[in-house]
Amino acid sequence: MPARRVKININDEEGNKITISFEGRITRNKVLQVLDFVELLGGVPVSGDEKALNDLSKFDKVQNIIERKFPIGWFTSQEVMVAYEDALDEPIGLSTVSTYLSRLVEKGVLVKSGSVAERRYKLKRSLTPHEEQRVRP
């Protein structure tokens, strides 16, 4: 697998600019470490912060948790349930999470893999405009 590059630019509320550049073998764990570092620096204003999350429907909360906690790589419904309960301090049933994940697959937000007993999901990757131009005939 070729080396990859990730560059993250952050502008905080005080006008400071922070740039994080990462090059090499990028794994989910390493990206999560970088995001943890960003959170230590005071975080990044996200459209779905904790206060705004409480105003969303359960379905939208699940989708937001997935986008924030599982931006890359595969995850299970059990992992989503645990992340939801940790982030919002409110219970959610595994069957509810599974139903919402199925709906997100139908909407094209997620892709699924594996048998019913070993089902995994991940966010569907959107192509950048540059990648779309390369794919088009």
N, C-alpha and C. Protein backbone atom coordinates (compact mmCIF):
# COMPACT_ATOMS: atom_id res chain seq x y z
N MET A 1 0.84 -1.17 0.00
CA MET A 1 0.00 0.00 0.00
C MET A 1 0.89 1.25 0.00
N PRO A 2 0.61 2.20 -0.89
CA PRO A 2 1.46 3.39 -0.96
C PRO A 2 1.27 4.29 0.27
N ALA A 3 2.29 5.08 0.53
CA ALA A 3 2.21 6.03 1.65
C ALA A 3 1.11 7.06 1.35
N ARG A 4 0.41 7.45 2.38
CA ARG A 4 -0.66 8.42 2.23
C ARG A 4 -0.35 9.64 3.06
N ARG A 5 -1.03 10.74 2.73
CA ARG A 5 -0.84 11.99 3.44
C ARG A 5 -2.17 12.52 3.93
N VAL A 6 -2.16 13.00 5.15
CA VAL A 6 -3.33 13.66 5.72
C VAL A 6 -2.85 14.98 6.30
N LYS A 7 -3.58 16.03 5.98
CA LYS A 7 -3.25 17.34 6.52
C LYS A 7 -4.52 17.93 7.12
N ILE A 8 -4.43 18.34 8.37
CA ILE A 8 -5.58 18.89 9.07
C ILE A 8 -5.27 20.32 9.45
N ASN A 9 -6.12 21.24 9.01
CA ASN A 9 -5.97 22.65 9.37
C ASN A 9 -7.10 23.01 10.33
N ILE A 10 -6.72 23.63 11.45
CA ILE A 10 -7.69 23.99 12.47
C ILE A 10 -7.54 25.47 12.78
N ASN A 11 -8.66 26.19 12.75
CA ASN A 11 -8.67 27.59 13.17
C ASN A 11 -9.52 27.65 14.42
N ASP A 12 -8.92 28.06 15.54
CA ASP A 12 -9.69 28.11 16.78
C ASP A 12 -10.39 29.46 16.92
N GLU A 13 -11.15 29.58 18.00
CA GLU A 13 -11.95 30.79 18.22
C GLU A 13 -11.11 32.03 18.48
N GLU A 14 -9.83 31.84 18.87
CA GLU A 14 -8.94 32.96 19.15
C GLU A 14 -8.17 33.42 17.91
N GLY A 15 -8.43 32.78 16.77
CA GLY A 15 -7.74 33.14 15.55
C GLY A 15 -6.45 32.40 15.31
N ASN A 16 -6.10 31.47 16.18
CA ASN A 16 -4.90 30.67 15.99
C ASN A 16 -5.13 29.64 14.89
N LYS A 17 -4.07 29.36 14.15
CA LYS A 17 -4.15 28.35 13.10
C LYS A 17 -3.21 27.21 13.48
N ILE A 18 -3.76 26.00 13.51
CA ILE A 18 -2.97 24.82 13.83
C ILE A 18 -3.02 23.90 12.61
N THR A 19 -1.85 23.45 12.18
CA THR A 19 -1.78 22.53 11.06
C THR A 19 -1.11 21.25 11.52
N ILE A 20 -1.77 20.14 11.27
CA ILE A 20 -1.22 18.83 11.59
C ILE A 20 -1.07 18.08 10.27
N SER A 21 0.12 17.60 10.03
CA SER A 21 0.41 16.86 8.80
C SER A 21 0.89 15.47 9.16
N PHE A 22 0.33 14.48 8.51
CA PHE A 22 0.69 13.09 8.79
C PHE A 22 0.94 12.39 7.47
N GLU A 23 2.07 11.71 7.36
CA GLU A 23 2.42 11.01 6.13
C GLU A 23 2.94 9.62 6.47
N GLY A 24 2.51 8.65 5.72
CA GLY A 24 2.96 7.28 5.94
C GLY A 24 1.81 6.30 5.94
N ARG A 25 1.95 5.23 6.69
CA ARG A 25 0.90 4.22 6.79
C ARG A 25 -0.14 4.71 7.80
N ILE A 26 -1.28 5.08 7.31
CA ILE A 26 -2.32 5.67 8.15
C ILE A 26 -3.33 4.59 8.51
N THR A 27 -3.51 4.41 9.81
CA THR A 27 -4.48 3.45 10.30
C THR A 27 -5.58 4.19 11.05
N ARG A 28 -6.67 3.50 11.28
CA ARG A 28 -7.79 4.07 12.03
C ARG A 28 -7.31 4.53 13.40
N ASN A 29 -6.50 3.71 14.04
CA ASN A 29 -5.99 4.04 15.37
C ASN A 29 -5.19 5.33 15.36
N LYS A 30 -4.34 5.50 14.35
CA LYS A 30 -3.51 6.71 14.28
C LYS A 30 -4.35 7.95 14.03
N VAL A 31 -5.37 7.83 13.19
CA VAL A 31 -6.26 8.97 12.95
C VAL A 31 -7.01 9.33 14.22
N LEU A 32 -7.47 8.32 14.95
CA LEU A 32 -8.17 8.59 16.21
C LEU A 32 -7.24 9.26 17.22
N GLN A 33 -5.95 8.89 17.23
CA GLN A 33 -4.99 9.55 18.12
C GLN A 33 -4.85 11.02 17.75
N VAL A 34 -4.81 11.32 16.46
CA VAL A 34 -4.71 12.71 16.01
C VAL A 34 -5.97 13.46 16.45
N LEU A 35 -7.14 12.84 16.28
CA LEU A 35 -8.38 13.50 16.68
C LEU A 35 -8.43 13.72 18.20
N ASP A 36 -7.90 12.78 18.96
CA ASP A 36 -7.80 12.97 20.41
C ASP A 36 -6.92 14.16 20.73
N PHE A 37 -5.82 14.30 19.99
CA PHE A 37 -4.91 15.43 20.18
C PHE A 37 -5.64 16.74 19.88
N VAL A 38 -6.40 16.76 18.81
CA VAL A 38 -7.16 17.96 18.44
C VAL A 38 -8.15 18.30 19.57
N GLU A 39 -8.77 17.28 20.13
CA GLU A 39 -9.70 17.51 21.23
C GLU A 39 -8.99 18.10 22.44
N LEU A 40 -7.76 17.63 22.72
CA LEU A 40 -6.98 18.18 23.82
C LEU A 40 -6.65 19.65 23.62
N LEU A 41 -6.51 20.04 22.36
CA LEU A 41 -6.19 21.43 22.05
C LEU A 41 -7.41 22.34 22.17
N GLY A 42 -8.52 21.78 22.53
CA GLY A 42 -9.72 22.60 22.69
C GLY A 42 -10.79 22.22 21.70
N GLY A 43 -10.50 21.21 20.90
CA GLY A 43 -11.50 20.73 19.95
C GLY A 43 -11.70 21.66 18.78
N VAL A 44 -12.57 21.23 17.95
CA VAL A 44 -12.92 21.96 16.75
C VAL A 44 -14.42 22.16 16.80
N PRO A 45 -14.92 23.36 16.51
CA PRO A 45 -16.37 23.52 16.51
C PRO A 45 -16.97 22.55 15.50
N VAL A 46 -17.85 21.70 15.99
CA VAL A 46 -18.49 20.70 15.14
C VAL A 46 -19.97 21.02 15.08
N SER A 47 -20.59 20.77 13.93
CA SER A 47 -21.99 21.12 13.77
C SER A 47 -22.88 20.37 14.76
N GLY A 48 -22.41 19.25 15.31
CA GLY A 48 -23.23 18.49 16.23
C GLY A 48 -22.60 18.38 17.59
N ASP A 49 -22.30 19.49 18.26
CA ASP A 49 -21.71 19.41 19.60
C ASP A 49 -22.73 18.84 20.58
N GLU A 50 -22.31 18.63 21.81
CA GLU A 50 -23.14 17.93 22.78
C GLU A 50 -24.50 18.60 22.99
N LYS A 51 -24.53 19.92 23.08
CA LYS A 51 -25.81 20.60 23.29
C LYS A 51 -26.73 20.41 22.11
N ALA A 52 -26.20 20.56 20.90
CA ALA A 52 -27.01 20.40 19.70
C ALA A 52 -27.46 18.95 19.53
N LEU A 53 -26.64 18.00 19.98
CA LEU A 53 -27.00 16.59 19.87
C LEU A 53 -28.29 16.30 20.61
N ASN A 54 -28.47 16.91 21.76
CA ASN A 54 -29.67 16.65 22.55
C ASN A 54 -30.94 17.11 21.87
N ASP A 55 -30.84 18.02 20.92
CA ASP A 55 -32.01 18.52 20.20
C ASP A 55 -32.36 17.67 18.97
N LEU A 56 -31.52 16.70 18.63
CA LEU A 56 -31.74 15.88 17.45
C LEU A 56 -32.62 14.68 17.77
N SER A 57 -33.19 14.08 16.71
CA SER A 57 -33.91 12.83 16.88
C SER A 57 -32.91 11.71 17.18
N LYS A 58 -33.39 10.58 17.68
CA LYS A 58 -32.50 9.46 17.98
C LYS A 58 -31.76 9.01 16.72
N PHE A 59 -32.48 8.96 15.60
CA PHE A 59 -31.87 8.56 14.34
C PHE A 59 -30.72 9.49 13.98
N ASP A 60 -30.97 10.80 14.07
CA ASP A 60 -29.92 11.78 13.74
C ASP A 60 -28.76 11.71 14.73
N LYS A 61 -29.06 11.41 15.99
CA LYS A 61 -28.00 11.25 16.98
C LYS A 61 -27.09 10.07 16.61
N VAL A 62 -27.72 8.96 16.20
CA VAL A 62 -26.93 7.78 15.81
C VAL A 62 -26.05 8.12 14.62
N GLN A 63 -26.60 8.80 13.63
CA GLN A 63 -25.81 9.16 12.45
C GLN A 63 -24.66 10.09 12.84
N ASN A 64 -24.93 11.04 13.71
CA ASN A 64 -23.89 11.96 14.15
C ASN A 64 -22.79 11.24 14.91
N ILE A 65 -23.17 10.32 15.79
CA ILE A 65 -22.18 9.53 16.54
C ILE A 65 -21.30 8.75 15.58
N ILE A 66 -21.90 8.15 14.56
CA ILE A 66 -21.12 7.38 13.58
C ILE A 66 -20.13 8.28 12.87
N GLU A 67 -20.58 9.45 12.42
CA GLU A 67 -19.70 10.36 11.69
C GLU A 67 -18.57 10.87 12.57
N ARG A 68 -18.82 11.06 13.86
CA ARG A 68 -17.79 11.58 14.76
C ARG A 68 -16.86 10.50 15.29
N LYS A 69 -17.42 9.35 15.66
CA LYS A 69 -16.63 8.31 16.33
C LYS A 69 -16.05 7.26 15.37
N PHE A 70 -16.65 7.11 14.20
CA PHE A 70 -16.22 6.08 13.27
C PHE A 70 -16.03 6.67 11.86
N PRO A 71 -15.19 7.71 11.73
CA PRO A 71 -15.04 8.35 10.42
C PRO A 71 -14.39 7.45 9.38
N ILE A 72 -13.58 6.50 9.83
CA ILE A 72 -12.94 5.56 8.92
C ILE A 72 -13.02 4.17 9.51
N GLY A 73 -12.93 3.18 8.68
CA GLY A 73 -12.89 1.80 9.14
C GLY A 73 -14.26 1.23 9.43
N TRP A 74 -14.25 -0.05 9.72
CA TRP A 74 -15.47 -0.82 9.95
C TRP A 74 -15.86 -0.76 11.42
N PHE A 75 -17.16 -0.88 11.69
CA PHE A 75 -17.68 -0.91 13.06
C PHE A 75 -18.92 -1.80 13.10
N THR A 76 -19.30 -2.19 14.31
CA THR A 76 -20.47 -3.04 14.50
C THR A 76 -21.59 -2.23 15.16
N SER A 77 -22.78 -2.79 15.14
CA SER A 77 -23.91 -2.14 15.81
C SER A 77 -23.66 -2.05 17.31
N GLN A 78 -23.00 -3.04 17.87
CA GLN A 78 -22.67 -3.03 19.30
C GLN A 78 -21.75 -1.85 19.62
N GLU A 79 -20.75 -1.60 18.77
CA GLU A 79 -19.83 -0.49 19.00
C GLU A 79 -20.56 0.86 18.91
N VAL A 80 -21.52 0.95 17.99
CA VAL A 80 -22.30 2.19 17.87
C VAL A 80 -23.15 2.39 19.12
N MET A 81 -23.77 1.31 19.61
CA MET A 81 -24.59 1.41 20.81
C MET A 81 -23.76 1.91 22.00
N VAL A 82 -22.57 1.35 22.18
CA VAL A 82 -21.70 1.75 23.29
C VAL A 82 -21.27 3.21 23.12
N ALA A 83 -20.88 3.60 21.91
CA ALA A 83 -20.45 4.98 21.66
C ALA A 83 -21.60 5.96 21.92
N TYR A 84 -22.81 5.59 21.49
CA TYR A 84 -23.99 6.42 21.71
C TYR A 84 -24.24 6.63 23.20
N GLU A 85 -24.24 5.52 23.95
CA GLU A 85 -24.51 5.60 25.38
C GLU A 85 -23.42 6.36 26.13
N ASP A 86 -22.16 6.20 25.70
CA ASP A 86 -21.07 6.95 26.32
C ASP A 86 -21.16 8.44 26.04
N ALA A 87 -21.46 8.79 24.79
CA ALA A 87 -21.47 10.20 24.39
C ALA A 87 -22.66 10.95 24.96
N LEU A 88 -23.82 10.29 25.01
CA LEU A 88 -25.04 10.99 25.38
C LEU A 88 -25.57 10.64 26.76
N ASP A 89 -24.95 9.65 27.37
CA ASP A 89 -25.38 9.20 28.70
C ASP A 89 -26.87 8.87 28.73
N GLU A 90 -27.33 8.23 27.67
CA GLU A 90 -28.71 7.76 27.61
C GLU A 90 -28.73 6.40 26.92
N PRO A 91 -29.61 5.51 27.36
CA PRO A 91 -29.62 4.16 26.78
C PRO A 91 -30.26 4.14 25.40
N ILE A 92 -29.85 3.16 24.61
CA ILE A 92 -30.46 2.90 23.30
C ILE A 92 -30.37 1.39 23.08
N GLY A 93 -31.43 0.82 22.57
CA GLY A 93 -31.46 -0.62 22.35
C GLY A 93 -30.64 -1.02 21.14
N LEU A 94 -30.07 -2.21 21.22
CA LEU A 94 -29.28 -2.72 20.10
C LEU A 94 -30.16 -2.89 18.86
N SER A 95 -31.41 -3.30 19.03
CA SER A 95 -32.31 -3.46 17.89
C SER A 95 -32.61 -2.11 17.24
N THR A 96 -32.69 -1.06 18.06
CA THR A 96 -32.91 0.29 17.51
C THR A 96 -31.70 0.72 16.68
N VAL A 97 -30.51 0.49 17.22
CA VAL A 97 -29.29 0.83 16.48
C VAL A 97 -29.25 0.06 15.17
N SER A 98 -29.53 -1.23 15.21
CA SER A 98 -29.51 -2.07 14.00
C SER A 98 -30.50 -1.56 12.95
N THR A 99 -31.69 -1.16 13.41
CA THR A 99 -32.69 -0.62 12.49
C THR A 99 -32.18 0.65 11.83
N TYR A 100 -31.59 1.55 12.63
CA TYR A 100 -31.08 2.80 12.08
C TYR A 100 -29.91 2.57 11.13
N LEU A 101 -29.06 1.60 11.45
CA LEU A 101 -27.94 1.29 10.55
C LEU A 101 -28.46 0.78 9.21
N SER A 102 -29.50 -0.05 9.24
CA SER A 102 -30.10 -0.55 8.00
C SER A 102 -30.66 0.60 7.17
N ARG A 103 -31.30 1.54 7.84
CA ARG A 103 -31.85 2.71 7.12
C ARG A 103 -30.73 3.56 6.51
N LEU A 104 -29.62 3.69 7.23
CA LEU A 104 -28.49 4.45 6.69
C LEU A 104 -27.86 3.74 5.49
N VAL A 105 -27.88 2.41 5.50
CA VAL A 105 -27.41 1.65 4.33
C VAL A 105 -28.34 1.92 3.15
N GLU A 106 -29.66 1.87 3.39
CA GLU A 106 -30.64 2.14 2.33
C GLU A 106 -30.49 3.53 1.75
N LYS A 107 -30.15 4.50 2.59
CA LYS A 107 -29.96 5.88 2.14
C LYS A 107 -28.63 6.09 1.43
N GLY A 108 -27.74 5.09 1.47
CA GLY A 108 -26.44 5.22 0.83
C GLY A 108 -25.39 5.92 1.67
N VAL A 109 -25.67 6.09 2.97
CA VAL A 109 -24.71 6.73 3.87
C VAL A 109 -23.67 5.72 4.32
N LEU A 110 -24.09 4.48 4.53
CA LEU A 110 -23.20 3.41 5.00
C LEU A 110 -23.15 2.28 3.99
N VAL A 111 -22.09 1.48 4.07
CA VAL A 111 -22.01 0.21 3.36
C VAL A 111 -21.91 -0.87 4.42
N LYS A 112 -22.42 -2.07 4.08
CA LYS A 112 -22.38 -3.16 5.06
C LYS A 112 -21.63 -4.34 4.47
N SER A 113 -21.15 -5.20 5.37
CA SER A 113 -20.38 -6.36 4.96
C SER A 113 -20.61 -7.46 5.97
N GLY A 114 -20.46 -8.70 5.53
CA GLY A 114 -20.55 -9.84 6.43
C GLY A 114 -21.93 -10.41 6.57
N SER A 115 -22.00 -11.59 7.17
CA SER A 115 -23.28 -12.24 7.41
C SER A 115 -24.02 -11.52 8.52
N VAL A 116 -25.27 -11.90 8.74
CA VAL A 116 -26.08 -11.25 9.77
C VAL A 116 -25.39 -11.34 11.13
N ALA A 117 -24.80 -12.48 11.43
CA ALA A 117 -24.14 -12.66 12.73
C ALA A 117 -22.83 -11.88 12.85
N GLU A 118 -22.21 -11.56 11.72
CA GLU A 118 -20.93 -10.86 11.73
C GLU A 118 -21.00 -9.54 10.96
N ARG A 119 -22.15 -8.88 11.00
CA ARG A 119 -22.38 -7.67 10.22
C ARG A 119 -21.49 -6.54 10.69
N ARG A 120 -20.89 -5.84 9.71
CA ARG A 120 -20.07 -4.67 9.97
C ARG A 120 -20.50 -3.57 9.02
N TYR A 121 -20.26 -2.34 9.40
CA TYR A 121 -20.64 -1.18 8.60
C TYR A 121 -19.47 -0.22 8.51
N LYS A 122 -19.51 0.64 7.51
CA LYS A 122 -18.58 1.77 7.46
C LYS A 122 -19.20 2.87 6.63
N LEU A 123 -18.75 4.09 6.90
CA LEU A 123 -19.26 5.23 6.14
C LEU A 123 -18.87 5.07 4.67
N LYS A 124 -19.82 5.36 3.81
CA LYS A 124 -19.54 5.29 2.38
C LYS A 124 -18.66 6.48 2.04
N ARG A 125 -17.58 6.20 1.37
CA ARG A 125 -16.60 7.23 1.03
C ARG A 125 -17.10 8.03 -0.16
N SER A 126 -17.10 9.35 -0.03
CA SER A 126 -17.47 10.23 -1.13
C SER A 126 -16.23 10.56 -1.93
N LEU A 127 -16.39 10.60 -3.24
CA LEU A 127 -15.25 10.97 -4.08
C LEU A 127 -15.09 12.48 -4.09
N THR A 128 -13.84 12.91 -4.08
CA THR A 128 -13.56 14.34 -4.22
C THR A 128 -13.82 14.72 -5.67
N PRO A 129 -14.02 16.01 -5.98
CA PRO A 129 -14.23 16.41 -7.37
C PRO A 129 -13.10 15.94 -8.29
N HIS A 130 -11.86 15.96 -7.78
CA HIS A 130 -10.72 15.51 -8.58
C HIS A 130 -10.83 14.01 -8.89
N GLU A 131 -11.24 13.21 -7.89
CA GLU A 131 -11.39 11.77 -8.10
C GLU A 131 -12.55 11.49 -9.05
N GLU A 132 -13.64 12.29 -8.96
CA GLU A 132 -14.77 12.09 -9.86
C GLU A 132 -14.36 12.30 -11.31
N GLN A 133 -13.52 13.30 -11.56
CA GLN A 133 -13.06 13.57 -12.91
C GLN A 133 -12.24 12.40 -13.45
N ARG A 134 -11.45 11.76 -12.59
CA ARG A 134 -10.64 10.63 -13.03
C ARG A 134 -11.50 9.40 -13.33
N VAL A 135 -12.63 9.26 -12.60
CA VAL A 135 -13.49 8.09 -12.78
C VAL A 135 -14.35 8.24 -14.02
N ARG A 136 -14.78 9.44 -14.32
CA ARG A 136 -15.67 9.65 -15.49
C ARG A 136 -14.93 9.33 -16.78
N PRO A 137 -15.67 8.73 -17.73
CA PRO A 137 -15.05 8.42 -19.04
C PRO A 137 -14.77 9.66 -19.87
